[in-house]
Structures are given as structure tokens and as C-alpha cells.
Amino acid sequence: MSGRKVVTALLVGVAIGWCVGLFLESIVANTPNTIDPQELRWLRRLVGAAGGLAGLAIEAIRQLQAANPDPAYHRRSRLKR
């Protein structure tokens, strides 16, 4: 596996998760509910970490699938009617 691609996917996932966390934080901040700002920061961190984990998992599985030597695995299956 290429470690550089996995780390890049991890960083991209964290960045996307961080942006989603900022979006969720702004939505929650504009509601009439009072929520501690510390909890909103933890929400952003949690969503960022989840995005990073998702990016890491997707790239690792993609590389494992590409490295599979079985030709039947790479053959596209057709829908039988």
C-alpha cells in the first residue's frame, strides 16, 4: 500500500469533516438553544476525526482491491436477465 496516498486521503477527510463540523456548529449557534461553546468545539473535532477515518478507510480498501491478483475479482459482473 502507498502510505502517501493513505495519509493524503486521511488529511482530505479531516479537512472535509472539519468543514462539515464548522457548518454544523454555525447551524447550532443560530438556534435559540444555549449550548456550551466547548461542546461545539468537541462536535467539530469529532466530525473531523470521523471524516479522517472515513478517508483513511476508503483509500485503504481501494488499494487493497486494486492489489488483488484474482482476475475474477476485477471482471465486471453483468446483470443476468
PDB file of N, CA and C in Angstrom:
ATOM      1  N   MET A   1       0.839  -1.183   0.000  1.00  0.00           N
ATOM      2  CA  MET A   1       0.000   0.000   0.000  1.00  0.00           C
ATOM      3  C   MET A   1       0.880   1.241   0.000  1.00  0.00           C
ATOM      4  N   SER A   2       0.395   2.254  -0.641  1.00  0.00           N
ATOM      5  CA  SER A   2       1.106   3.516  -0.700  1.00  0.00           C
ATOM      6  C   SER A   2       0.711   4.357   0.506  1.00  0.00           C
ATOM      7  N   GLY A   3       1.658   4.558   1.390  1.00  0.00           N
ATOM      8  CA  GLY A   3       1.390   5.311   2.611  1.00  0.00           C
ATOM      9  C   GLY A   3       1.081   6.769   2.339  1.00  0.00           C
ATOM     10  N   ARG A   4       1.704   7.320   1.308  1.00  0.00           N
ATOM     11  CA  ARG A   4       1.483   8.731   0.993  1.00  0.00           C
ATOM     12  C   ARG A   4       0.035   8.971   0.576  1.00  0.00           C
ATOM     13  N   LYS A   5      -0.529   8.063  -0.227  1.00  0.00           N
ATOM     14  CA  LYS A   5      -1.920   8.213  -0.651  1.00  0.00           C
ATOM     15  C   LYS A   5      -2.874   8.060   0.519  1.00  0.00           C
ATOM     16  N   VAL A   6      -2.556   7.137   1.423  1.00  0.00           N
ATOM     17  CA  VAL A   6      -3.420   6.928   2.585  1.00  0.00           C
ATOM     18  C   VAL A   6      -3.401   8.152   3.485  1.00  0.00           C
ATOM     19  N   VAL A   7      -2.219   8.712   3.721  1.00  0.00           N
ATOM     20  CA  VAL A   7      -2.119   9.906   4.568  1.00  0.00           C
ATOM     21  C   VAL A   7      -2.799  11.093   3.889  1.00  0.00           C
ATOM     22  N   THR A   8      -2.667  11.206   2.572  1.00  0.00           N
ATOM     23  CA  THR A   8      -3.348  12.281   1.852  1.00  0.00           C
ATOM     24  C   THR A   8      -4.861  12.142   1.970  1.00  0.00           C
ATOM     25  N   ALA A   9      -5.360  10.916   1.830  1.00  0.00           N
ATOM     26  CA  ALA A   9      -6.798  10.686   1.982  1.00  0.00           C
ATOM     27  C   ALA A   9      -7.248  10.995   3.409  1.00  0.00           C
ATOM     28  N   LEU A  10      -6.408  10.680   4.382  1.00  0.00           N
ATOM     29  CA  LEU A  10      -6.713  10.995   5.772  1.00  0.00           C
ATOM     30  C   LEU A  10      -6.833  12.500   5.961  1.00  0.00           C
ATOM     31  N   LEU A  11      -5.874  13.253   5.430  1.00  0.00           N
ATOM     32  CA  LEU A  11      -5.885  14.706   5.585  1.00  0.00           C
ATOM     33  C   LEU A  11      -7.066  15.345   4.846  1.00  0.00           C
ATOM     34  N   VAL A  12      -7.378  14.846   3.665  1.00  0.00           N
ATOM     35  CA  VAL A  12      -8.532  15.363   2.928  1.00  0.00           C
ATOM     36  C   VAL A  12      -9.819  15.063   3.700  1.00  0.00           C
ATOM     37  N   GLY A  13      -9.919  13.867   4.252  1.00  0.00           N
ATOM     38  CA  GLY A  13     -11.090  13.514   5.046  1.00  0.00           C
ATOM     39  C   GLY A  13     -11.238  14.381   6.280  1.00  0.00           C
ATOM     40  N   VAL A  14     -10.123  14.672   6.948  1.00  0.00           N
ATOM     41  CA  VAL A  14     -10.159  15.550   8.121  1.00  0.00           C
ATOM     42  C   VAL A  14     -10.598  16.946   7.708  1.00  0.00           C
ATOM     43  N   ALA A  15     -10.082  17.446   6.591  1.00  0.00           N
ATOM     44  CA  ALA A  15     -10.449  18.789   6.125  1.00  0.00           C
ATOM     45  C   ALA A  15     -11.940  18.868   5.796  1.00  0.00           C
ATOM     46  N   ILE A  16     -12.444  17.860   5.097  1.00  0.00           N
ATOM     47  CA  ILE A  16     -13.872  17.854   4.761  1.00  0.00           C
ATOM     48  C   ILE A  16     -14.705  17.719   6.028  1.00  0.00           C
ATOM     49  N   GLY A  17     -14.296  16.835   6.927  1.00  0.00           N
ATOM     50  CA  GLY A  17     -15.012  16.679   8.192  1.00  0.00           C
ATOM     51  C   GLY A  17     -14.988  17.950   9.019  1.00  0.00           C
ATOM     52  N   TRP A  18     -13.859  18.649   9.012  1.00  0.00           N
ATOM     53  CA  TRP A  18     -13.734  19.904   9.757  1.00  0.00           C
ATOM     54  C   TRP A  18     -14.707  20.946   9.190  1.00  0.00           C
ATOM     55  N   CYS A  19     -14.802  21.011   7.859  1.00  0.00           N
ATOM     56  CA  CYS A  19     -15.732  21.958   7.229  1.00  0.00           C
ATOM     57  C   CYS A  19     -17.183  21.607   7.559  1.00  0.00           C
ATOM     58  N   VAL A  20     -17.510  20.339   7.538  1.00  0.00           N
ATOM     59  CA  VAL A  20     -18.864  19.921   7.918  1.00  0.00           C
ATOM     60  C   VAL A  20     -19.119  20.255   9.387  1.00  0.00           C
ATOM     61  N   GLY A  21     -18.109  20.071  10.224  1.00  0.00           N
ATOM     62  CA  GLY A  21     -18.240  20.424  11.632  1.00  0.00           C
ATOM     63  C   GLY A  21     -18.471  21.914  11.823  1.00  0.00           C
ATOM     64  N   LEU A  22     -17.766  22.757  11.059  1.00  0.00           N
ATOM     65  CA  LEU A  22     -17.996  24.204  11.123  1.00  0.00           C
ATOM     66  C   LEU A  22     -19.410  24.555  10.680  1.00  0.00           C
ATOM     67  N   PHE A  23     -19.871  23.882   9.647  1.00  0.00           N
ATOM     68  CA  PHE A  23     -21.236  24.104   9.160  1.00  0.00           C
ATOM     69  C   PHE A  23     -22.254  23.728  10.230  1.00  0.00           C
ATOM     70  N   LEU A  24     -22.079  22.563  10.847  1.00  0.00           N
ATOM     71  CA  LEU A  24     -22.992  22.146  11.906  1.00  0.00           C
ATOM     72  C   LEU A  24     -22.920  23.089  13.100  1.00  0.00           C
ATOM     73  N   GLU A  25     -21.719  23.549  13.421  1.00  0.00           N
ATOM     74  CA  GLU A  25     -21.549  24.478  14.529  1.00  0.00           C
ATOM     75  C   GLU A  25     -22.281  25.787  14.259  1.00  0.00           C
ATOM     76  N   SER A  26     -22.227  26.269  13.019  1.00  0.00           N
ATOM     77  CA  SER A  26     -22.925  27.518  12.701  1.00  0.00           C
ATOM     78  C   SER A  26     -24.439  27.327  12.736  1.00  0.00           C
ATOM     79  N   ILE A  27     -24.910  26.157  12.331  1.00  0.00           N
ATOM     80  CA  ILE A  27     -26.347  25.885  12.408  1.00  0.00           C
ATOM     81  C   ILE A  27     -26.792  25.873  13.864  1.00  0.00           C
ATOM     82  N   VAL A  28     -26.048  25.187  14.712  1.00  0.00           N
ATOM     83  CA  VAL A  28     -26.412  25.090  16.123  1.00  0.00           C
ATOM     84  C   VAL A  28     -26.275  26.444  16.809  1.00  0.00           C
ATOM     85  N   ALA A  29     -25.293  27.233  16.420  1.00  0.00           N
ATOM     86  CA  ALA A  29     -25.090  28.546  17.039  1.00  0.00           C
ATOM     87  C   ALA A  29     -26.228  29.505  16.718  1.00  0.00           C
ATOM     88  N   ASN A  30     -26.909  29.300  15.595  1.00  0.00           N
ATOM     89  CA  ASN A  30     -28.003  30.185  15.199  1.00  0.00           C
ATOM     90  C   ASN A  30     -29.377  29.655  15.605  1.00  0.00           C
ATOM     91  N   THR A  31     -29.419  28.703  16.486  1.00  0.00           N
ATOM     92  CA  THR A  31     -30.687  28.217  17.014  1.00  0.00           C
ATOM     93  C   THR A  31     -30.928  28.872  18.374  1.00  0.00           C
ATOM     94  N   PRO A  32     -32.147  28.867  18.849  1.00  0.00           N
ATOM     95  CA  PRO A  32     -32.426  29.501  20.142  1.00  0.00           C
ATOM     96  C   PRO A  32     -31.887  28.713  21.346  1.00  0.00           C
ATOM     97  N   ASN A  33     -31.403  27.545  21.133  1.00  0.00           N
ATOM     98  CA  ASN A  33     -30.857  26.752  22.240  1.00  0.00           C
ATOM     99  C   ASN A  33     -29.530  27.330  22.709  1.00  0.00           C
ATOM    100  N   THR A  34     -29.250  27.185  23.980  1.00  0.00           N
ATOM    101  CA  THR A  34     -27.956  27.609  24.505  1.00  0.00           C
ATOM    102  C   THR A  34     -27.098  26.379  24.719  1.00  0.00           C
ATOM    103  N   ILE A  35     -26.008  26.319  23.983  1.00  0.00           N
ATOM    104  CA  ILE A  35     -25.084  25.187  24.062  1.00  0.00           C
ATOM    105  C   ILE A  35     -23.705  25.743  24.380  1.00  0.00           C
ATOM    106  N   ASP A  36     -23.022  25.070  25.258  1.00  0.00           N
ATOM    107  CA  ASP A  36     -21.685  25.488  25.664  1.00  0.00           C
ATOM    108  C   ASP A  36     -20.753  25.497  24.444  1.00  0.00           C
ATOM    109  N   PRO A  37     -19.994  26.560  24.244  1.00  0.00           N
ATOM    110  CA  PRO A  37     -19.067  26.610  23.089  1.00  0.00           C
ATOM    111  C   PRO A  37     -18.030  25.488  23.110  1.00  0.00           C
ATOM    112  N   GLN A  38     -17.664  25.021  24.285  1.00  0.00           N
ATOM    113  CA  GLN A  38     -16.721  23.908  24.382  1.00  0.00           C
ATOM    114  C   GLN A  38     -17.314  22.639  23.758  1.00  0.00           C
ATOM    115  N   GLU A  39     -18.609  22.420  23.958  1.00  0.00           N
ATOM    116  CA  GLU A  39     -19.267  21.256  23.355  1.00  0.00           C
ATOM    117  C   GLU A  39     -19.306  21.369  21.834  1.00  0.00           C
ATOM    118  N   LEU A  40     -19.485  22.591  21.338  1.00  0.00           N
ATOM    119  CA  LEU A  40     -19.478  22.782  19.888  1.00  0.00           C
ATOM    120  C   LEU A  40     -18.096  22.518  19.299  1.00  0.00           C
ATOM    121  N   ARG A  41     -17.049  22.881  20.027  1.00  0.00           N
ATOM    122  CA  ARG A  41     -15.693  22.580  19.548  1.00  0.00           C
ATOM    123  C   ARG A  41     -15.450  21.079  19.517  1.00  0.00           C
ATOM    124  N   TRP A  42     -15.964  20.366  20.528  1.00  0.00           N
ATOM    125  CA  TRP A  42     -15.805  18.913  20.534  1.00  0.00           C
ATOM    126  C   TRP A  42     -16.593  18.278  19.400  1.00  0.00           C
ATOM    127  N   LEU A  43     -17.755  18.845  19.078  1.00  0.00           N
ATOM    128  CA  LEU A  43     -18.524  18.349  17.937  1.00  0.00           C
ATOM    129  C   LEU A  43     -17.713  18.482  16.653  1.00  0.00           C
ATOM    130  N   ARG A  44     -17.079  19.650  16.468  1.00  0.00           N
ATOM    131  CA  ARG A  44     -16.270  19.878  15.266  1.00  0.00           C
ATOM    132  C   ARG A  44     -15.103  18.896  15.215  1.00  0.00           C
ATOM    133  N   ARG A  45     -14.452  18.676  16.341  1.00  0.00           N
ATOM    134  CA  ARG A  45     -13.333  17.720  16.381  1.00  0.00           C
ATOM    135  C   ARG A  45     -13.805  16.300  16.082  1.00  0.00           C
ATOM    136  N   LEU A  46     -14.954  15.926  16.633  1.00  0.00           N
ATOM    137  CA  LEU A  46     -15.484  14.580  16.413  1.00  0.00           C
ATOM    138  C   LEU A  46     -15.830  14.356  14.943  1.00  0.00           C
ATOM    139  N   VAL A  47     -16.490  15.342  14.336  1.00  0.00           N
ATOM    140  CA  VAL A  47     -16.853  15.206  12.919  1.00  0.00           C
ATOM    141  C   VAL A  47     -15.599  15.204  12.046  1.00  0.00           C
ATOM    142  N   GLY A  48     -14.596  15.999  12.402  1.00  0.00           N
ATOM    143  CA  GLY A  48     -13.334  15.993  11.657  1.00  0.00           C
ATOM    144  C   GLY A  48     -12.624  14.662  11.753  1.00  0.00           C
ATOM    145  N   ALA A  49     -12.611  14.084  12.954  1.00  0.00           N
ATOM    146  CA  ALA A  49     -11.972  12.775  13.129  1.00  0.00           C
ATOM    147  C   ALA A  49     -12.727  11.690  12.367  1.00  0.00           C
ATOM    148  N   ALA A  50     -14.048  11.770  12.361  1.00  0.00           N
ATOM    149  CA  ALA A  50     -14.845  10.783  11.614  1.00  0.00           C
ATOM    150  C   ALA A  50     -14.580  10.903  10.115  1.00  0.00           C
ATOM    151  N   GLY A  51     -14.446  12.129   9.622  1.00  0.00           N
ATOM    152  CA  GLY A  51     -14.121  12.318   8.205  1.00  0.00           C
ATOM    153  C   GLY A  51     -12.748  11.771   7.864  1.00  0.00           C
ATOM    154  N   GLY A  52     -11.787  11.986   8.757  1.00  0.00           N
ATOM    155  CA  GLY A  52     -10.446  11.443   8.539  1.00  0.00           C
ATOM    156  C   GLY A  52     -10.433   9.933   8.527  1.00  0.00           C
ATOM    157  N   LEU A  53     -11.176   9.339   9.446  1.00  0.00           N
ATOM    158  CA  LEU A  53     -11.255   7.879   9.496  1.00  0.00           C
ATOM    159  C   LEU A  53     -11.924   7.325   8.242  1.00  0.00           C
ATOM    160  N   ALA A  54     -12.951   8.011   7.766  1.00  0.00           N
ATOM    161  CA  ALA A  54     -13.634   7.573   6.547  1.00  0.00           C
ATOM    162  C   ALA A  54     -12.689   7.655   5.341  1.00  0.00           C
ATOM    163  N   GLY A  55     -11.945   8.756   5.229  1.00  0.00           N
ATOM    164  CA  GLY A  55     -10.998   8.884   4.124  1.00  0.00           C
ATOM    165  C   GLY A  55      -9.909   7.823   4.171  1.00  0.00           C
ATOM    166  N   LEU A  56      -9.417   7.553   5.368  1.00  0.00           N
ATOM    167  CA  LEU A  56      -8.398   6.530   5.556  1.00  0.00           C
ATOM    168  C   LEU A  56      -8.923   5.157   5.149  1.00  0.00           C
ATOM    169  N   ALA A  57     -10.119   4.831   5.592  1.00  0.00           N
ATOM    170  CA  ALA A  57     -10.700   3.523   5.280  1.00  0.00           C
ATOM    171  C   ALA A  57     -10.982   3.374   3.786  1.00  0.00           C
ATOM    172  N   ILE A  58     -11.510   4.411   3.164  1.00  0.00           N
ATOM    173  CA  ILE A  58     -11.838   4.332   1.736  1.00  0.00           C
ATOM    174  C   ILE A  58     -10.579   4.118   0.910  1.00  0.00           C
ATOM    175  N   GLU A  59      -9.514   4.859   1.206  1.00  0.00           N
ATOM    176  CA  GLU A  59      -8.279   4.713   0.424  1.00  0.00           C
ATOM    177  C   GLU A  59      -7.612   3.366   0.687  1.00  0.00           C
ATOM    178  N   ALA A  60      -7.629   2.900   1.915  1.00  0.00           N
ATOM    179  CA  ALA A  60      -7.020   1.601   2.219  1.00  0.00           C
ATOM    180  C   ALA A  60      -7.759   0.471   1.500  1.00  0.00           C
ATOM    181  N   ILE A  61      -9.082   0.503   1.514  1.00  0.00           N
ATOM    182  CA  ILE A  61      -9.866  -0.532   0.827  1.00  0.00           C
ATOM    183  C   ILE A  61      -9.664  -0.441  -0.678  1.00  0.00           C
ATOM    184  N   ARG A  62      -9.595   0.778  -1.216  1.00  0.00           N
ATOM    185  CA  ARG A  62      -9.369   0.937  -2.655  1.00  0.00           C
ATOM    186  C   ARG A  62      -8.037   0.330  -3.072  1.00  0.00           C
ATOM    187  N   GLN A  63      -7.007   0.552  -2.257  1.00  0.00           N
ATOM    188  CA  GLN A  63      -5.694  -0.015  -2.582  1.00  0.00           C
ATOM    189  C   GLN A  63      -5.685  -1.528  -2.431  1.00  0.00           C
ATOM    190  N   LEU A  64      -6.374  -2.037  -1.444  1.00  0.00           N
ATOM    191  CA  LEU A  64      -6.450  -3.491  -1.290  1.00  0.00           C
ATOM    192  C   LEU A  64      -7.188  -4.126  -2.463  1.00  0.00           C
ATOM    193  N   GLN A  65      -8.259  -3.503  -2.929  1.00  0.00           N
ATOM    194  CA  GLN A  65      -8.989  -4.037  -4.077  1.00  0.00           C
ATOM    195  C   GLN A  65      -8.142  -3.990  -5.336  1.00  0.00           C
ATOM    196  N   ALA A  66      -7.371  -2.926  -5.524  1.00  0.00           N
ATOM    197  CA  ALA A  66      -6.525  -2.800  -6.715  1.00  0.00           C
ATOM    198  C   ALA A  66      -5.383  -3.803  -6.697  1.00  0.00           C
ATOM    199  N   ALA A  67      -4.938  -4.188  -5.516  1.00  0.00           N
ATOM    200  CA  ALA A  67      -3.807  -5.104  -5.406  1.00  0.00           C
ATOM    201  C   ALA A  67      -4.222  -6.576  -5.444  1.00  0.00           C
ATOM    202  N   ASN A  68      -5.499  -6.863  -5.499  1.00  0.00           N
ATOM    203  CA  ASN A  68      -5.963  -8.243  -5.508  1.00  0.00           C
ATOM    204  C   ASN A  68      -5.583  -8.902  -6.831  1.00  0.00           C
ATOM    205  N   PRO A  69      -4.848 -10.032  -6.783  1.00  0.00           N
ATOM    206  CA  PRO A  69      -4.377 -10.656  -8.025  1.00  0.00           C
ATOM    207  C   PRO A  69      -5.425 -11.511  -8.738  1.00  0.00           C
ATOM    208  N   ASP A  70      -6.542 -11.775  -8.128  1.00  0.00           N
ATOM    209  CA  ASP A  70      -7.545 -12.646  -8.726  1.00  0.00           C
ATOM    210  C   ASP A  70      -8.226 -11.948  -9.905  1.00  0.00           C
ATOM    211  N   PRO A  71      -8.116 -12.501 -11.121  1.00  0.00           N
ATOM    212  CA  PRO A  71      -8.719 -11.826 -12.283  1.00  0.00           C
ATOM    213  C   PRO A  71     -10.247 -11.813 -12.223  1.00  0.00           C
ATOM    214  N   ALA A  72     -10.834 -12.789 -11.577  1.00  0.00           N
ATOM    215  CA  ALA A  72     -12.292 -12.812 -11.465  1.00  0.00           C
ATOM    216  C   ALA A  72     -12.792 -11.639 -10.609  1.00  0.00           C
ATOM    217  N   TYR A  73     -11.956 -11.178  -9.735  1.00  0.00           N
ATOM    218  CA  TYR A  73     -12.341 -10.072  -8.867  1.00  0.00           C
ATOM    219  C   TYR A  73     -12.430  -8.760  -9.648  1.00  0.00           C
ATOM    220  N   HIS A  74     -11.578  -8.618 -10.664  1.00  0.00           N
ATOM    221  CA  HIS A  74     -11.546  -7.389 -11.445  1.00  0.00           C
ATOM    222  C   HIS A  74     -12.523  -7.411 -12.614  1.00  0.00           C
ATOM    223  N   ARG A  75     -13.091  -8.571 -12.917  1.00  0.00           N
ATOM    224  CA  ARG A  75     -14.041  -8.672 -14.017  1.00  0.00           C
ATOM    225  C   ARG A  75     -15.365  -8.050 -13.578  1.00  0.00           C
ATOM    226  N   ARG A  76     -15.916  -7.235 -14.437  1.00  0.00           N
ATOM    227  CA  ARG A  76     -17.199  -6.606 -14.117  1.00  0.00           C
ATOM    228  C   ARG A  76     -18.301  -7.623 -14.315  1.00  0.00           C
ATOM    229  N   SER A  77     -19.157  -7.738 -13.344  1.00  0.00           N
ATOM    230  CA  SER A  77     -20.277  -8.680 -13.461  1.00  0.00           C
ATOM    231  C   SER A  77     -21.409  -8.014 -14.222  1.00  0.00           C
ATOM    232  N   ARG A  78     -22.041  -8.801 -15.060  1.00  0.00           N
ATOM    233  CA  ARG A  78     -23.165  -8.303 -15.843  1.00  0.00           C
ATOM    234  C   ARG A  78     -24.461  -8.769 -15.187  1.00  0.00           C
ATOM    235  N   LEU A  79     -25.456  -7.935 -15.302  1.00  0.00           N
ATOM    236  CA  LEU A  79     -26.751  -8.336 -14.778  1.00  0.00           C
ATOM    237  C   LEU A  79     -27.368  -9.350 -15.722  1.00  0.00           C
ATOM    238  N   LYS A  80     -27.780 -10.479 -15.180  1.00  0.00           N
ATOM    239  CA  LYS A  80     -28.410 -11.516 -15.997  1.00  0.00           C
ATOM    240  C   LYS A  80     -29.913 -11.308 -15.972  1.00  0.00           C
ATOM    241  N   ARG A  81     -30.485 -11.343 -17.142  1.00  0.00           N
ATOM    242  CA  ARG A  81     -31.941 -11.120 -17.253  1.00  0.00           C
ATOM    243  C   ARG A  81     -32.648 -12.390 -17.561  1.00  0.00           C
TER     244      ARG A  81
END
